[in-house]
Amino acid sequence: MTRALRIVGQGLAPAQLARAQAATRLATLEDVLRFGFAQHPAWDVVDVIVQDEFTHDVVVRGPAYLVFDTT
């Protein structure tokens, strides 16, 4: 399993990148939600996109927009 942060677009400040980098250590959607809701300000779940019955993309607004592919 690969956990990587890929930046799309420009304009992410180094401090924002450092905060977003912590997301690469999260293993499950539960981890993402617990970690995100504990941040100040808390992350928002913006959308959940169903790919099929097993795979979902979860879009989160935190230090930047983050997308987690969950299976």
PDB file of N, CA and C in Angstrom:
ATOM      1  N   MET A   1       0.848  -1.170   0.000  1.00  0.00           N
ATOM      2  CA  MET A   1       0.000   0.000   0.000  1.00  0.00           C
ATOM      3  C   MET A   1       0.889   1.225   0.000  1.00  0.00           C
ATOM      4  N   THR A   2       0.571   2.164  -0.867  1.00  0.00           N
ATOM      5  CA  THR A   2       1.321   3.407  -0.955  1.00  0.00           C
ATOM      6  C   THR A   2       0.524   4.526  -0.319  1.00  0.00           C
ATOM      7  N   ARG A   3       1.181   5.248   0.544  1.00  0.00           N
ATOM      8  CA  ARG A   3       0.576   6.444   1.126  1.00  0.00           C
ATOM      9  C   ARG A   3       1.440   7.609   0.692  1.00  0.00           C
ATOM     10  N   ALA A   4       0.903   8.432  -0.148  1.00  0.00           N
ATOM     11  CA  ALA A   4       1.687   9.536  -0.688  1.00  0.00           C
ATOM     12  C   ALA A   4       0.827  10.778  -0.763  1.00  0.00           C
ATOM     13  N   LEU A   5       1.483  11.900  -0.612  1.00  0.00           N
ATOM     14  CA  LEU A   5       0.830  13.189  -0.758  1.00  0.00           C
ATOM     15  C   LEU A   5       1.231  13.725  -2.119  1.00  0.00           C
ATOM     16  N   ARG A   6       0.254  13.971  -2.953  1.00  0.00           N
ATOM     17  CA  ARG A   6       0.509  14.512  -4.288  1.00  0.00           C
ATOM     18  C   ARG A   6      -0.175  15.865  -4.370  1.00  0.00           C
ATOM     19  N   ILE A   7       0.595  16.870  -4.678  1.00  0.00           N
ATOM     20  CA  ILE A   7       0.064  18.227  -4.749  1.00  0.00           C
ATOM     21  C   ILE A   7      -0.424  18.494  -6.162  1.00  0.00           C
ATOM     22  N   VAL A   8      -1.656  18.957  -6.261  1.00  0.00           N
ATOM     23  CA  VAL A   8      -2.247  19.336  -7.538  1.00  0.00           C
ATOM     24  C   VAL A   8      -2.507  20.830  -7.470  1.00  0.00           C
ATOM     25  N   GLY A   9      -2.000  21.561  -8.423  1.00  0.00           N
ATOM     26  CA  GLY A   9      -2.154  23.008  -8.404  1.00  0.00           C
ATOM     27  C   GLY A   9      -0.986  23.660  -7.696  1.00  0.00           C
ATOM     28  N   GLN A  10      -1.118  24.922  -7.425  1.00  0.00           N
ATOM     29  CA  GLN A  10      -0.042  25.682  -6.812  1.00  0.00           C
ATOM     30  C   GLN A  10      -0.602  26.526  -5.679  1.00  0.00           C
ATOM     31  N   GLY A  11       0.305  27.146  -4.956  1.00  0.00           N
ATOM     32  CA  GLY A  11      -0.114  28.096  -3.944  1.00  0.00           C
ATOM     33  C   GLY A  11      -0.198  27.546  -2.529  1.00  0.00           C
ATOM     34  N   LEU A  12       0.239  26.307  -2.314  1.00  0.00           N
ATOM     35  CA  LEU A  12       0.205  25.740  -0.968  1.00  0.00           C
ATOM     36  C   LEU A  12       1.444  26.212  -0.216  1.00  0.00           C
ATOM     37  N   ALA A  13       1.236  26.913   0.879  1.00  0.00           N
ATOM     38  CA  ALA A  13       2.335  27.435   1.683  1.00  0.00           C
ATOM     39  C   ALA A  13       3.060  26.281   2.378  1.00  0.00           C
ATOM     40  N   PRO A  14       4.347  26.441   2.691  1.00  0.00           N
ATOM     41  CA  PRO A  14       5.103  25.376   3.360  1.00  0.00           C
ATOM     42  C   PRO A  14       4.452  24.901   4.662  1.00  0.00           C
ATOM     43  N   ALA A  15       3.869  25.812   5.431  1.00  0.00           N
ATOM     44  CA  ALA A  15       3.216  25.413   6.681  1.00  0.00           C
ATOM     45  C   ALA A  15       1.989  24.550   6.393  1.00  0.00           C
ATOM     46  N   GLN A  16       1.232  24.898   5.355  1.00  0.00           N
ATOM     47  CA  GLN A  16       0.071  24.091   4.974  1.00  0.00           C
ATOM     48  C   GLN A  16       0.512  22.718   4.497  1.00  0.00           C
ATOM     49  N   LEU A  17       1.590  22.660   3.727  1.00  0.00           N
ATOM     50  CA  LEU A  17       2.112  21.391   3.245  1.00  0.00           C
ATOM     51  C   LEU A  17       2.534  20.507   4.408  1.00  0.00           C
ATOM     52  N   ALA A  18       3.183  21.083   5.402  1.00  0.00           N
ATOM     53  CA  ALA A  18       3.608  20.313   6.572  1.00  0.00           C
ATOM     54  C   ALA A  18       2.410  19.734   7.316  1.00  0.00           C
ATOM     55  N   ARG A  19       1.338  20.525   7.452  1.00  0.00           N
ATOM     56  CA  ARG A  19       0.133  20.029   8.129  1.00  0.00           C
ATOM     57  C   ARG A  19      -0.541  18.940   7.309  1.00  0.00           C
ATOM     58  N   ALA A  20      -0.558  19.099   6.001  1.00  0.00           N
ATOM     59  CA  ALA A  20      -1.176  18.097   5.136  1.00  0.00           C
ATOM     60  C   ALA A  20      -0.351  16.810   5.088  1.00  0.00           C
ATOM     61  N   GLN A  21       0.959  16.925   5.225  1.00  0.00           N
ATOM     62  CA  GLN A  21       1.847  15.756   5.179  1.00  0.00           C
ATOM     63  C   GLN A  21       1.482  14.743   6.261  1.00  0.00           C
ATOM     64  N   ALA A  22       0.968  15.207   7.390  1.00  0.00           N
ATOM     65  CA  ALA A  22       0.563  14.300   8.466  1.00  0.00           C
ATOM     66  C   ALA A  22      -0.507  13.324   7.997  1.00  0.00           C
ATOM     67  N   ALA A  23      -1.263  13.681   6.983  1.00  0.00           N
ATOM     68  CA  ALA A  23      -2.326  12.817   6.471  1.00  0.00           C
ATOM     69  C   ALA A  23      -1.796  11.538   5.859  1.00  0.00           C
ATOM     70  N   THR A  24      -0.541  11.512   5.453  1.00  0.00           N
ATOM     71  CA  THR A  24       0.016  10.301   4.843  1.00  0.00           C
ATOM     72  C   THR A  24       0.191   9.179   5.867  1.00  0.00           C
ATOM     73  N   ARG A  25       0.123   9.480   7.146  1.00  0.00           N
ATOM     74  CA  ARG A  25       0.259   8.454   8.197  1.00  0.00           C
ATOM     75  C   ARG A  25      -1.078   7.815   8.571  1.00  0.00           C
ATOM     76  N   LEU A  26      -2.167   8.321   8.022  1.00  0.00           N
ATOM     77  CA  LEU A  26      -3.492   7.832   8.386  1.00  0.00           C
ATOM     78  C   LEU A  26      -3.830   6.598   7.556  1.00  0.00           C
ATOM     79  N   ALA A  27      -4.275   5.531   8.219  1.00  0.00           N
ATOM     80  CA  ALA A  27      -4.473   4.248   7.529  1.00  0.00           C
ATOM     81  C   ALA A  27      -5.924   3.967   7.160  1.00  0.00           C
ATOM     82  N   THR A  28      -6.862   4.493   7.928  1.00  0.00           N
ATOM     83  CA  THR A  28      -8.268   4.175   7.684  1.00  0.00           C
ATOM     84  C   THR A  28      -9.084   5.465   7.635  1.00  0.00           C
ATOM     85  N   LEU A  29     -10.288   5.346   7.125  1.00  0.00           N
ATOM     86  CA  LEU A  29     -11.174   6.507   7.114  1.00  0.00           C
ATOM     87  C   LEU A  29     -11.460   6.967   8.538  1.00  0.00           C
ATOM     88  N   GLU A  30     -11.577   6.042   9.460  1.00  0.00           N
ATOM     89  CA  GLU A  30     -11.768   6.408  10.866  1.00  0.00           C
ATOM     90  C   GLU A  30     -10.601   7.258  11.359  1.00  0.00           C
ATOM     91  N   ASP A  31      -9.358   6.872  10.989  1.00  0.00           N
ATOM     92  CA  ASP A  31      -8.182   7.657  11.365  1.00  0.00           C
ATOM     93  C   ASP A  31      -8.266   9.074  10.799  1.00  0.00           C
ATOM     94  N   VAL A  32      -8.686   9.165   9.529  1.00  0.00           N
ATOM     95  CA  VAL A  32      -8.804  10.473   8.880  1.00  0.00           C
ATOM     96  C   VAL A  32      -9.793  11.353   9.637  1.00  0.00           C
ATOM     97  N   LEU A  33     -10.965  10.798   9.954  1.00  0.00           N
ATOM     98  CA  LEU A  33     -11.990  11.582  10.634  1.00  0.00           C
ATOM     99  C   LEU A  33     -11.560  11.981  12.039  1.00  0.00           C
ATOM    100  N   ARG A  34     -11.008  11.055  12.801  1.00  0.00           N
ATOM    101  CA  ARG A  34     -10.556  11.390  14.162  1.00  0.00           C
ATOM    102  C   ARG A  34      -9.471  12.466  14.145  1.00  0.00           C
ATOM    103  N   PHE A  35      -8.484  12.292  13.251  1.00  0.00           N
ATOM    104  CA  PHE A  35      -7.394  13.250  13.151  1.00  0.00           C
ATOM    105  C   PHE A  35      -7.911  14.609  12.694  1.00  0.00           C
ATOM    106  N   GLY A  36      -8.743  14.597  11.642  1.00  0.00           N
ATOM    107  CA  GLY A  36      -9.242  15.845  11.079  1.00  0.00           C
ATOM    108  C   GLY A  36     -10.124  16.631  12.018  1.00  0.00           C
ATOM    109  N   PHE A  37     -11.003  15.945  12.736  1.00  0.00           N
ATOM    110  CA  PHE A  37     -11.897  16.639  13.656  1.00  0.00           C
ATOM    111  C   PHE A  37     -11.157  17.172  14.886  1.00  0.00           C
ATOM    112  N   ALA A  38      -9.967  16.606  15.173  1.00  0.00           N
ATOM    113  CA  ALA A  38      -9.179  17.068  16.316  1.00  0.00           C
ATOM    114  C   ALA A  38      -8.325  18.296  15.966  1.00  0.00           C
ATOM    115  N   GLN A  39      -8.216  18.632  14.683  1.00  0.00           N
ATOM    116  CA  GLN A  39      -7.414  19.789  14.266  1.00  0.00           C
ATOM    117  C   GLN A  39      -8.135  21.081  14.604  1.00  0.00           C
ATOM    118  N   HIS A  40      -7.360  22.151  14.678  1.00  0.00           N
ATOM    119  CA  HIS A  40      -7.955  23.461  14.910  1.00  0.00           C
ATOM    120  C   HIS A  40      -7.535  24.384  13.790  1.00  0.00           C
ATOM    121  N   PRO A  41      -8.396  24.824  12.916  1.00  0.00           N
ATOM    122  CA  PRO A  41      -9.816  24.475  12.875  1.00  0.00           C
ATOM    123  C   PRO A  41     -10.016  23.062  12.343  1.00  0.00           C
ATOM    124  N   ALA A  42     -11.120  22.465  12.733  1.00  0.00           N
ATOM    125  CA  ALA A  42     -11.419  21.086  12.344  1.00  0.00           C
ATOM    126  C   ALA A  42     -11.582  20.976  10.829  1.00  0.00           C
ATOM    127  N   TRP A  43     -11.181  19.835  10.295  1.00  0.00           N
ATOM    128  CA  TRP A  43     -11.366  19.560   8.877  1.00  0.00           C
ATOM    129  C   TRP A  43     -12.841  19.306   8.615  1.00  0.00           C
ATOM    130  N   ASP A  44     -13.269  19.593   7.410  1.00  0.00           N
ATOM    131  CA  ASP A  44     -14.651  19.346   6.985  1.00  0.00           C
ATOM    132  C   ASP A  44     -14.664  18.251   5.927  1.00  0.00           C
ATOM    133  N   VAL A  45     -15.582  17.307   6.049  1.00  0.00           N
ATOM    134  CA  VAL A  45     -15.807  16.344   4.980  1.00  0.00           C
ATOM    135  C   VAL A  45     -16.699  17.048   3.964  1.00  0.00           C
ATOM    136  N   VAL A  46     -16.173  17.266   2.772  1.00  0.00           N
ATOM    137  CA  VAL A  46     -16.881  18.024   1.741  1.00  0.00           C
ATOM    138  C   VAL A  46     -17.763  17.110   0.900  1.00  0.00           C
ATOM    139  N   ASP A  47     -17.242  15.924   0.560  1.00  0.00           N
ATOM    140  CA  ASP A  47     -17.994  15.022  -0.312  1.00  0.00           C
ATOM    141  C   ASP A  47     -17.458  13.607  -0.180  1.00  0.00           C
ATOM    142  N   VAL A  48     -18.314  12.663  -0.436  1.00  0.00           N
ATOM    143  CA  VAL A  48     -17.935  11.250  -0.546  1.00  0.00           C
ATOM    144  C   VAL A  48     -18.433  10.785  -1.906  1.00  0.00           C
ATOM    145  N   ILE A  49     -17.509  10.369  -2.738  1.00  0.00           N
ATOM    146  CA  ILE A  49     -17.832   9.957  -4.099  1.00  0.00           C
ATOM    147  C   ILE A  49     -17.731   8.438  -4.175  1.00  0.00           C
ATOM    148  N   VAL A  50     -18.842   7.787  -4.461  1.00  0.00           N
ATOM    149  CA  VAL A  50     -18.880   6.332  -4.524  1.00  0.00           C
ATOM    150  C   VAL A  50     -18.388   5.890  -5.900  1.00  0.00           C
ATOM    151  N   GLN A  51     -17.312   5.102  -5.923  1.00  0.00           N
ATOM    152  CA  GLN A  51     -16.780   4.556  -7.171  1.00  0.00           C
ATOM    153  C   GLN A  51     -17.468   3.231  -7.508  1.00  0.00           C
ATOM    154  N   ASP A  52     -17.579   2.374  -6.506  1.00  0.00           N
ATOM    155  CA  ASP A  52     -18.312   1.112  -6.617  1.00  0.00           C
ATOM    156  C   ASP A  52     -18.667   0.698  -5.195  1.00  0.00           C
ATOM    157  N   GLU A  53     -19.138  -0.516  -4.993  1.00  0.00           N
ATOM    158  CA  GLU A  53     -19.576  -0.896  -3.650  1.00  0.00           C
ATOM    159  C   GLU A  53     -18.439  -1.006  -2.641  1.00  0.00           C
ATOM    160  N   PHE A  54     -17.179  -1.025  -3.118  1.00  0.00           N
ATOM    161  CA  PHE A  54     -16.035  -1.174  -2.220  1.00  0.00           C
ATOM    162  C   PHE A  54     -15.155   0.063  -2.124  1.00  0.00           C
ATOM    163  N   THR A  55     -15.196   0.936  -3.092  1.00  0.00           N
ATOM    164  CA  THR A  55     -14.255   2.051  -3.177  1.00  0.00           C
ATOM    165  C   THR A  55     -14.993   3.387  -3.139  1.00  0.00           C
ATOM    166  N   HIS A  56     -14.503   4.264  -2.275  1.00  0.00           N
ATOM    167  CA  HIS A  56     -15.056   5.613  -2.145  1.00  0.00           C
ATOM    168  C   HIS A  56     -13.896   6.608  -2.122  1.00  0.00           C
ATOM    169  N   ASP A  57     -14.108   7.770  -2.695  1.00  0.00           N
ATOM    170  CA  ASP A  57     -13.172   8.879  -2.562  1.00  0.00           C
ATOM    171  C   ASP A  57     -13.788   9.853  -1.568  1.00  0.00           C
ATOM    172  N   VAL A  58     -13.018  10.222  -0.573  1.00  0.00           N
ATOM    173  CA  VAL A  58     -13.500  11.141   0.455  1.00  0.00           C
ATOM    174  C   VAL A  58     -12.733  12.454   0.311  1.00  0.00           C
ATOM    175  N   VAL A  59     -13.460  13.536   0.073  1.00  0.00           N
ATOM    176  CA  VAL A  59     -12.866  14.855  -0.105  1.00  0.00           C
ATOM    177  C   VAL A  59     -12.987  15.606   1.215  1.00  0.00           C
ATOM    178  N   VAL A  60     -11.840  16.081   1.712  1.00  0.00           N
ATOM    179  CA  VAL A  60     -11.778  16.748   3.008  1.00  0.00           C
ATOM    180  C   VAL A  60     -11.148  18.130   2.810  1.00  0.00           C
ATOM    181  N   ARG A  61     -11.736  19.141   3.452  1.00  0.00           N
ATOM    182  CA  ARG A  61     -11.136  20.476   3.450  1.00  0.00           C
ATOM    183  C   ARG A  61     -10.439  20.657   4.782  1.00  0.00           C
ATOM    184  N   GLY A  62      -9.128  20.733   4.733  1.00  0.00           N
ATOM    185  CA  GLY A  62      -8.318  20.954   5.922  1.00  0.00           C
ATOM    186  C   GLY A  62      -7.366  22.093   5.633  1.00  0.00           C
ATOM    187  N   PRO A  63      -6.050  21.848   5.754  1.00  0.00           N
ATOM    188  CA  PRO A  63      -5.095  22.888   5.394  1.00  0.00           C
ATOM    189  C   PRO A  63      -5.117  23.147   3.884  1.00  0.00           C
ATOM    190  N   ALA A  64      -5.665  22.198   3.177  1.00  0.00           N
ATOM    191  CA  ALA A  64      -5.890  22.278   1.726  1.00  0.00           C
ATOM    192  C   ALA A  64      -7.021  21.282   1.467  1.00  0.00           C
ATOM    193  N   TYR A  65      -7.421  21.121   0.228  1.00  0.00           N
ATOM    194  CA  TYR A  65      -8.376  20.064  -0.087  1.00  0.00           C
ATOM    195  C   TYR A  65      -7.589  18.764  -0.210  1.00  0.00           C
ATOM    196  N   LEU A  66      -7.995  17.759   0.537  1.00  0.00           N
ATOM    197  CA  LEU A  66      -7.360  16.451   0.511  1.00  0.00           C
ATOM    198  C   LEU A  66      -8.369  15.428   0.020  1.00  0.00           C
ATOM    199  N   VAL A  67      -7.914  14.474  -0.780  1.00  0.00           N
ATOM    200  CA  VAL A  67      -8.789  13.422  -1.273  1.00  0.00           C
ATOM    201  C   VAL A  67      -8.194  12.091  -0.852  1.00  0.00           C
ATOM    202  N   PHE A  68      -9.000  11.302  -0.163  1.00  0.00           N
ATOM    203  CA  PHE A  68      -8.574   9.996   0.315  1.00  0.00           C
ATOM    204  C   PHE A  68      -9.320   8.925  -0.470  1.00  0.00           C
ATOM    205  N   ASP A  69      -8.574   8.026  -1.078  1.00  0.00           N
ATOM    206  CA  ASP A  69      -9.157   6.892  -1.787  1.00  0.00           C
ATOM    207  C   ASP A  69      -9.295   5.772  -0.765  1.00  0.00           C
ATOM    208  N   THR A  70     -10.502   5.351  -0.485  1.00  0.00           N
ATOM    209  CA  THR A  70     -10.741   4.309   0.515  1.00  0.00           C
ATOM    210  C   THR A  70     -11.313   3.070  -0.134  1.00  0.00           C
ATOM    211  N   THR A  71     -10.849   1.928   0.317  1.00  0.00           N
ATOM    212  CA  THR A  71     -11.330   0.649  -0.192  1.00  0.00           C
ATOM    213  C   THR A  71     -11.741  -0.213   0.988  1.00  0.00           C
TER     214      THR A  71
END
